[in-house]
Amino acid sequence: MESFVSTGEGRSEKDQRAEARPGASPSWPPLPLAQWQETYATLHLWTQIVGKTRLSLSPMMNHWWQVTLYVTARGLTTSPMPSGFRSLEIELDFIDHALVFRTSDGMVRSLALASRPVAEFYADYMTTLRDLGVSARFYPVPVELPAVIPFRDDCVHATYDPEAASRYFRALVQVDRVFKQFRGRFSGKCSPVHFWWGAFDLACTRFSGRRAPAHPGGVPNTPDYVQQIAYSHECISAGWWPGSGPVAEPAFYAYAYPEPQGLPDARIEPAGATYNRELREFIMPYEAVRTAEQPDDVLLDFLESTYVAAADLAGWDRASFDATSARLHH
């Protein structure tokens, strides 16, 4: 992991130079995958531990929406989860770099976010839950990753760079903000803008209301029924993640399930967006968005054009889902 010289305000000298170059928005931080990949891998596993707690405690919802995390003004939260007659909320705070546990009866506990093995983090995490009187039982092994180590045994992943985590959080804030604007344009069934800890992506999904064919599954270390519940109905989804597999950079994506015929060849905007045939998704590099003169507009063009292309090819009644039109008539 590359080291950085701090210049204050939580940003490195290298970051500030990158953000100051012509065309780069100071609000959208640089996030080269190679510079924080070890922190990303460790943080991914920590979010899975927190997310599995939500899976254990929260009542089932359609498409697994009860398991996701949400962007806050400080990081990522579970939102309140039922624990007996109390509520428990857990937040990954990327400003103070702490994992904070809060209960509805006033109990507060905190664990430092710092470089240490996942096994040690997991042990302290479970001890904290027991200290709070919370019983959360879950399968203590990562999901959606090609190679997994049980949390209690993982001494491989042990890196946490606070500056890298801060940059990631600042990017999350921007993406969450624009995605919420995009979500507000749709009046049909739509997910919140939420964080999926399995794949470490922030996403928003729109639905046509029609049933979809059974998903074939095949996600690494994940039972097929998980995807079959998630994709029970036709959907068009857009999201953002730091990169992995064939996309070695942070990127936005968009896809439809089931994919309508002709979608890979559809014309979309902006010019930097392409269709990745391995992932079966449209991809727009984060760097192209953050260095644009108007990043919000570029991202919204990608989100809107991919939705329109997929919805039209799939025969969705787009007019009935237009939130702007709905507001004009009420």
Protein backbone atom coordinates (compact mmCIF):
# COMPACT_ATOMS: atom_id res chain seq x y z
CA MET A 1 0.00 0.00 0.00
CA GLU A 2 1.36 3.39 -1.00
CA SER A 3 2.03 5.75 1.88
CA PHE A 4 0.85 9.37 1.83
CA VAL A 5 2.08 12.55 3.49
CA SER A 6 -0.80 14.21 5.30
CA THR A 7 -1.43 17.92 4.68
CA GLY A 8 -4.44 18.26 6.98
CA GLU A 9 -8.21 18.16 6.52
CA GLY A 10 -8.06 14.39 6.10
CA ARG A 11 -6.63 14.54 2.55
CA SER A 12 -3.12 13.67 1.43
CA GLU A 13 -0.88 15.96 -0.59
CA LYS A 14 -1.15 13.51 -3.50
CA ASP A 15 -4.96 13.54 -3.30
CA GLN A 16 -5.10 17.32 -3.33
CA ARG A 17 -2.84 17.51 -6.37
CA ALA A 18 -5.04 15.00 -8.21
CA GLU A 19 -8.21 16.85 -7.28
CA ALA A 20 -6.75 20.21 -8.27
CA ARG A 21 -5.85 19.21 -11.82
CA PRO A 22 -7.94 20.77 -14.61
CA GLY A 23 -11.32 19.10 -15.08
CA ALA A 24 -11.42 17.33 -11.73
CA SER A 25 -14.20 18.23 -9.31
CA PRO A 26 -12.91 18.80 -5.75
CA SER A 27 -16.06 17.12 -4.45
CA TRP A 28 -15.34 13.83 -6.23
CA PRO A 29 -12.10 12.33 -4.82
CA PRO A 30 -9.64 10.18 -6.78
CA LEU A 31 -9.91 6.49 -5.89
CA PRO A 32 -7.40 4.42 -7.92
CA LEU A 33 -8.05 0.78 -7.06
CA ALA A 34 -4.36 -0.16 -6.85
CA GLN A 35 -3.70 2.45 -4.16
CA TRP A 36 -6.17 1.05 -1.63
CA GLN A 37 -6.90 -2.53 -2.70
CA GLU A 38 -5.73 -4.09 0.58
CA THR A 39 -7.84 -1.71 2.66
CA TYR A 40 -10.77 -2.34 0.32
CA ALA A 41 -10.45 -6.11 0.77
CA THR A 42 -10.34 -5.84 4.57
CA LEU A 43 -13.17 -3.32 4.74
CA HIS A 44 -15.29 -5.50 2.46
CA LEU A 45 -15.07 -8.34 4.98
CA TRP A 46 -15.82 -6.05 7.92
CA THR A 47 -18.97 -4.81 6.17
CA GLN A 48 -20.00 -8.43 5.59
CA ILE A 49 -19.79 -9.11 9.34
CA VAL A 50 -21.93 -6.05 10.06
CA GLY A 51 -24.32 -6.88 7.22
CA LYS A 52 -24.77 -10.46 8.36
CA THR A 53 -25.85 -9.08 11.74
CA ARG A 54 -28.62 -7.19 9.97
CA LEU A 55 -29.54 -10.37 8.10
CA SER A 56 -29.80 -12.17 11.44
CA LEU A 57 -31.87 -9.56 13.27
CA SER A 58 -34.15 -7.96 10.65
CA PRO A 59 -37.44 -9.45 9.38
CA MET A 60 -37.40 -10.69 5.78
CA MET A 61 -38.29 -8.21 3.03
CA ASN A 62 -38.70 -8.59 -0.73
CA HIS A 63 -35.44 -8.90 -2.68
CA TRP A 64 -33.39 -9.05 0.59
CA TRP A 65 -33.83 -5.32 1.16
CA GLN A 66 -33.68 -5.93 4.92
CA VAL A 67 -29.94 -6.76 4.78
CA THR A 68 -28.52 -3.65 3.13
CA LEU A 69 -26.57 -0.78 4.66
CA TYR A 70 -27.13 2.95 4.02
CA VAL A 71 -24.89 5.97 3.53
CA THR A 72 -24.94 8.45 6.41
CA ALA A 73 -23.22 11.78 7.08
CA ARG A 74 -20.37 9.80 8.65
CA GLY A 75 -20.22 6.44 6.89
CA LEU A 76 -22.44 3.39 6.55
CA THR A 77 -25.21 2.30 8.90
CA THR A 78 -27.39 -0.75 9.43
CA SER A 79 -30.27 1.56 10.42
CA PRO A 80 -32.16 0.41 13.56
CA MET A 81 -32.50 -3.38 13.83
CA PRO A 82 -34.87 -5.15 16.28
CA SER A 83 -33.17 -6.93 19.17
CA GLY A 84 -35.81 -8.23 21.51
CA PHE A 85 -37.78 -5.21 22.71
CA ARG A 86 -34.89 -2.88 21.86
CA SER A 87 -33.31 -1.56 18.69
CA LEU A 88 -29.65 -1.80 17.76
CA GLU A 89 -27.89 0.36 15.17
CA ILE A 90 -24.31 -0.19 14.00
CA GLU A 91 -22.40 2.45 12.04
CA LEU A 92 -19.06 2.35 10.29
CA ASP A 93 -17.84 5.90 10.96
CA PHE A 94 -15.25 6.92 8.36
CA ILE A 95 -14.69 10.34 9.94
CA ASP A 96 -13.63 9.20 13.42
CA HIS A 97 -12.71 5.75 12.04
CA ALA A 98 -14.75 3.79 14.54
CA LEU A 99 -17.40 1.09 14.50
CA VAL A 100 -20.16 2.41 16.76
CA PHE A 101 -22.92 0.32 18.37
CA ARG A 102 -25.98 2.14 19.75
CA THR A 103 -29.08 0.66 21.40
CA SER A 104 -32.46 2.29 21.95
CA ASP A 105 -31.99 2.06 25.73
CA GLY A 106 -28.90 4.26 25.64
CA MET A 107 -26.01 1.78 25.51
CA VAL A 108 -23.06 2.78 23.30
CA ARG A 109 -19.94 0.81 22.44
CA SER A 110 -17.16 1.54 19.97
CA LEU A 111 -14.37 -0.36 18.22
CA ALA A 112 -11.52 1.41 16.45
CA LEU A 113 -11.25 0.98 12.69
CA ALA A 114 -7.53 0.31 12.35
CA SER A 115 -5.20 -2.17 10.71
CA ARG A 116 -5.73 -5.58 12.27
CA PRO A 117 -6.72 -9.07 11.09
CA VAL A 118 -10.33 -9.84 10.28
CA ALA A 119 -10.16 -12.66 12.86
CA GLU A 120 -9.36 -10.17 15.63
CA PHE A 121 -12.02 -7.73 14.43
CA TYR A 122 -14.60 -10.53 14.35
CA ALA A 123 -13.73 -11.71 17.87
CA ASP A 124 -14.02 -8.19 19.33
CA TYR A 125 -17.20 -7.57 17.35
CA MET A 126 -18.95 -10.68 18.70
CA THR A 127 -17.77 -9.89 22.23
CA THR A 128 -19.29 -6.42 21.91
CA LEU A 129 -22.63 -7.84 20.75
CA ARG A 130 -22.68 -10.20 23.75
CA ASP A 131 -21.79 -7.31 26.07
CA LEU A 132 -24.80 -5.42 24.71
CA GLY A 133 -27.04 -8.42 25.24
CA VAL A 134 -27.59 -8.93 21.51
CA SER A 135 -27.95 -12.44 20.14
CA ALA A 136 -27.14 -12.50 16.42
CA ARG A 137 -26.52 -15.88 14.84
CA PHE A 138 -25.18 -16.02 11.28
CA TYR A 139 -22.99 -18.11 9.00
CA PRO A 140 -19.50 -16.74 9.84
CA VAL A 141 -18.09 -17.09 6.33
CA PRO A 142 -17.95 -14.43 3.54
CA VAL A 143 -20.26 -14.64 0.51
CA GLU A 144 -20.05 -13.55 -3.13
CA LEU A 145 -16.26 -13.86 -3.21
CA PRO A 146 -14.36 -16.48 -5.24
CA ALA A 147 -12.09 -17.48 -2.33
CA VAL A 148 -13.26 -17.26 1.26
CA ILE A 149 -11.81 -17.77 4.73
CA PRO A 150 -14.06 -18.06 7.80
CA PHE A 151 -14.00 -14.77 9.69
CA ARG A 152 -12.62 -16.35 12.84
CA ASP A 153 -9.63 -17.75 10.92
CA ASP A 154 -8.81 -14.83 8.61
CA CYS A 155 -5.39 -13.44 9.49
CA VAL A 156 -4.67 -12.56 5.84
CA HIS A 157 -6.76 -9.41 5.50
CA ALA A 158 -5.48 -6.88 8.03
CA THR A 159 -5.07 -3.47 6.36
CA TYR A 160 -6.95 -0.26 7.08
CA ASP A 161 -5.63 3.03 5.67
CA PRO A 162 -7.78 5.84 7.18
CA GLU A 163 -7.04 8.24 4.32
CA ALA A 164 -8.11 5.66 1.74
CA ALA A 165 -11.28 4.94 3.71
CA SER A 166 -11.98 8.67 3.88
CA ARG A 167 -11.61 9.03 0.11
CA TYR A 168 -13.93 6.09 -0.42
CA PHE A 169 -16.51 7.60 1.91
CA ARG A 170 -16.36 10.96 0.15
CA ALA A 171 -17.00 9.18 -3.15
CA LEU A 172 -19.93 7.28 -1.59
CA VAL A 173 -21.50 10.56 -0.49
CA GLN A 174 -21.40 11.93 -4.04
CA VAL A 175 -22.74 8.77 -5.64
CA ASP A 176 -25.51 8.42 -3.05
CA ARG A 177 -26.54 12.03 -3.61
CA VAL A 178 -26.87 11.70 -7.41
CA PHE A 179 -28.47 8.24 -7.25
CA LYS A 180 -31.17 9.65 -4.96
CA GLN A 181 -31.90 12.34 -7.53
CA PHE A 182 -32.22 9.63 -10.19
CA ARG A 183 -34.44 7.52 -7.95
CA GLY A 184 -36.82 10.45 -7.50
CA ARG A 185 -37.63 10.43 -11.21
CA PHE A 186 -39.35 7.03 -10.97
CA SER A 187 -42.84 6.57 -9.49
CA GLY A 188 -43.02 2.76 -9.72
CA LYS A 189 -41.64 0.14 -7.36
CA CYS A 190 -38.03 1.05 -6.68
CA SER A 191 -35.45 0.09 -4.08
CA PRO A 192 -33.86 2.65 -1.79
CA VAL A 193 -30.33 3.70 -2.67
CA HIS A 194 -28.57 1.10 -0.57
CA PHE A 195 -25.24 -0.61 -0.03
CA TRP A 196 -24.92 -4.34 -0.76
CA TRP A 197 -22.14 -5.73 1.42
CA GLY A 198 -21.94 -8.98 -0.57
CA ALA A 199 -20.52 -7.23 -3.63
CA PHE A 200 -19.53 -3.95 -1.91
CA ASP A 201 -21.67 -1.82 -4.21
CA LEU A 202 -24.09 1.05 -3.84
CA ALA A 203 -27.16 0.45 -5.99
CA CYS A 204 -30.70 1.46 -6.90
CA THR A 205 -33.10 -0.90 -8.69
CA ARG A 206 -36.33 -0.20 -10.60
CA PHE A 207 -39.03 -2.80 -11.24
CA SER A 208 -41.65 -3.25 -13.96
CA GLY A 209 -44.03 -5.22 -11.72
CA ARG A 210 -43.83 -8.37 -13.88
CA ARG A 211 -42.45 -11.69 -12.69
CA ALA A 212 -39.03 -12.69 -14.00
CA PRO A 213 -37.74 -16.14 -14.99
CA ALA A 214 -35.87 -17.97 -12.24
CA HIS A 215 -32.36 -16.61 -11.91
CA PRO A 216 -29.71 -19.24 -12.71
CA GLY A 217 -27.61 -18.33 -9.67
CA GLY A 218 -23.95 -19.20 -9.88
CA VAL A 219 -22.64 -16.41 -7.64
CA PRO A 220 -19.50 -17.63 -5.81
CA ASN A 221 -20.05 -19.06 -2.33
CA THR A 222 -23.71 -18.07 -2.36
CA PRO A 223 -26.76 -20.38 -2.52
CA ASP A 224 -28.72 -20.02 -5.77
CA TYR A 225 -31.93 -19.21 -3.91
CA VAL A 226 -30.40 -15.91 -2.79
CA GLN A 227 -30.30 -14.63 -6.38
CA GLN A 228 -33.69 -16.17 -7.18
CA ILE A 229 -35.32 -14.14 -4.41
CA ALA A 230 -33.39 -11.01 -5.34
CA TYR A 231 -34.41 -11.27 -9.00
CA SER A 232 -37.96 -12.58 -8.62
CA HIS A 233 -39.30 -9.69 -10.73
CA GLU A 234 -38.12 -7.86 -13.82
CA CYS A 235 -35.71 -5.10 -12.93
CA ILE A 236 -33.26 -2.53 -14.22
CA SER A 237 -30.46 -1.78 -11.78
CA ALA A 238 -27.67 0.77 -11.60
CA GLY A 239 -24.82 0.96 -9.14
CA TRP A 240 -21.24 1.84 -8.31
CA TRP A 241 -18.36 -0.13 -6.83
CA PRO A 242 -14.57 0.31 -6.43
CA GLY A 243 -13.82 -2.27 -9.12
CA SER A 244 -12.98 -5.97 -9.22
CA GLY A 245 -12.51 -8.83 -11.68
CA PRO A 246 -12.46 -7.61 -15.28
CA VAL A 247 -12.95 -3.97 -14.24
CA ALA A 248 -9.78 -2.89 -12.43
CA GLU A 249 -11.00 0.60 -11.55
CA PRO A 250 -13.97 2.15 -9.76
CA ALA A 251 -16.95 2.22 -12.09
CA PHE A 252 -20.66 2.73 -12.46
CA TYR A 253 -22.74 -0.10 -13.92
CA ALA A 254 -26.23 -0.71 -15.24
CA TYR A 255 -27.99 -3.90 -16.30
CA ALA A 256 -31.42 -5.43 -16.80
CA TYR A 257 -32.74 -8.77 -15.60
CA PRO A 258 -33.79 -10.51 -17.69
CA GLU A 259 -31.67 -8.84 -20.34
CA PRO A 260 -33.86 -7.90 -23.33
CA GLN A 261 -32.70 -8.85 -26.80
CA GLY A 262 -30.53 -6.17 -28.42
CA LEU A 263 -29.47 -4.45 -25.19
CA PRO A 264 -25.69 -4.95 -25.70
CA ASP A 265 -25.93 -2.97 -28.94
CA ALA A 266 -28.11 -0.17 -27.61
CA ARG A 267 -26.86 3.39 -27.97
CA ILE A 268 -26.29 4.98 -24.58
CA GLU A 269 -24.69 8.10 -23.16
CA PRO A 270 -22.13 9.48 -22.47
CA ALA A 271 -19.44 8.59 -24.98
CA GLY A 272 -17.20 6.89 -22.38
CA ALA A 273 -19.79 4.25 -21.46
CA THR A 274 -19.42 0.73 -22.91
CA TYR A 275 -21.07 -2.68 -22.66
CA ASN A 276 -18.97 -5.35 -20.90
CA ARG A 277 -19.92 -8.72 -22.37
CA GLU A 278 -18.26 -10.69 -19.56
CA LEU A 279 -20.28 -8.93 -16.85
CA ARG A 280 -23.31 -8.35 -19.13
CA GLU A 281 -23.45 -4.78 -17.84
CA PHE A 282 -22.96 -1.25 -19.13
CA ILE A 283 -19.87 0.27 -17.51
CA MET A 284 -18.96 3.92 -17.01
CA PRO A 285 -15.55 4.64 -15.40
CA TYR A 286 -15.73 6.66 -12.19
CA GLU A 287 -12.68 8.62 -13.29
CA ALA A 288 -14.50 9.82 -16.41
CA VAL A 289 -17.36 11.08 -14.25
CA ARG A 290 -15.31 12.77 -11.55
CA THR A 291 -13.08 14.61 -14.06
CA ALA A 292 -16.01 15.85 -16.14
CA GLU A 293 -16.91 19.54 -16.07
CA GLN A 294 -20.35 18.61 -14.69
CA PRO A 295 -20.02 15.19 -12.97
CA ASP A 296 -23.66 15.08 -11.85
CA ASP A 297 -24.95 15.62 -15.37
CA VAL A 298 -22.61 13.03 -16.87
CA LEU A 299 -23.65 10.42 -14.31
CA LEU A 300 -27.35 11.20 -14.72
CA ASP A 301 -26.97 10.85 -18.50
CA PHE A 302 -25.52 7.36 -17.99
CA LEU A 303 -28.22 6.32 -15.53
CA GLU A 304 -31.08 7.69 -17.61
CA SER A 305 -29.90 6.47 -21.02
CA THR A 306 -29.24 2.92 -19.83
CA TYR A 307 -32.64 2.80 -18.14
CA VAL A 308 -34.42 4.10 -21.25
CA ALA A 309 -32.60 1.64 -23.51
CA ALA A 310 -33.38 -1.36 -21.31
CA ALA A 311 -36.97 -0.32 -20.50
CA ASP A 312 -37.88 0.30 -24.13
CA LEU A 313 -36.38 -2.98 -25.35
CA ALA A 314 -38.14 -4.87 -22.51
CA GLY A 315 -41.51 -3.22 -23.24
CA TRP A 316 -41.93 -1.30 -20.00
CA ASP A 317 -44.66 1.35 -19.86
CA ARG A 318 -42.22 4.17 -19.13
CA ALA A 319 -44.87 6.89 -19.21
CA SER A 320 -46.69 5.34 -16.25
CA PHE A 321 -43.47 5.36 -14.19
CA ASP A 322 -42.55 8.99 -14.88
CA ALA A 323 -42.55 10.71 -11.49
CA THR A 324 -42.42 14.18 -13.05
CA SER A 325 -45.60 13.48 -15.02
CA ALA A 326 -47.27 12.01 -11.93
CA ARG A 327 -46.55 15.19 -9.90
CA LEU A 328 -47.99 17.40 -12.65
CA HIS A 329 -51.31 15.54 -12.50
CA HIS A 330 -51.82 15.60 -8.72
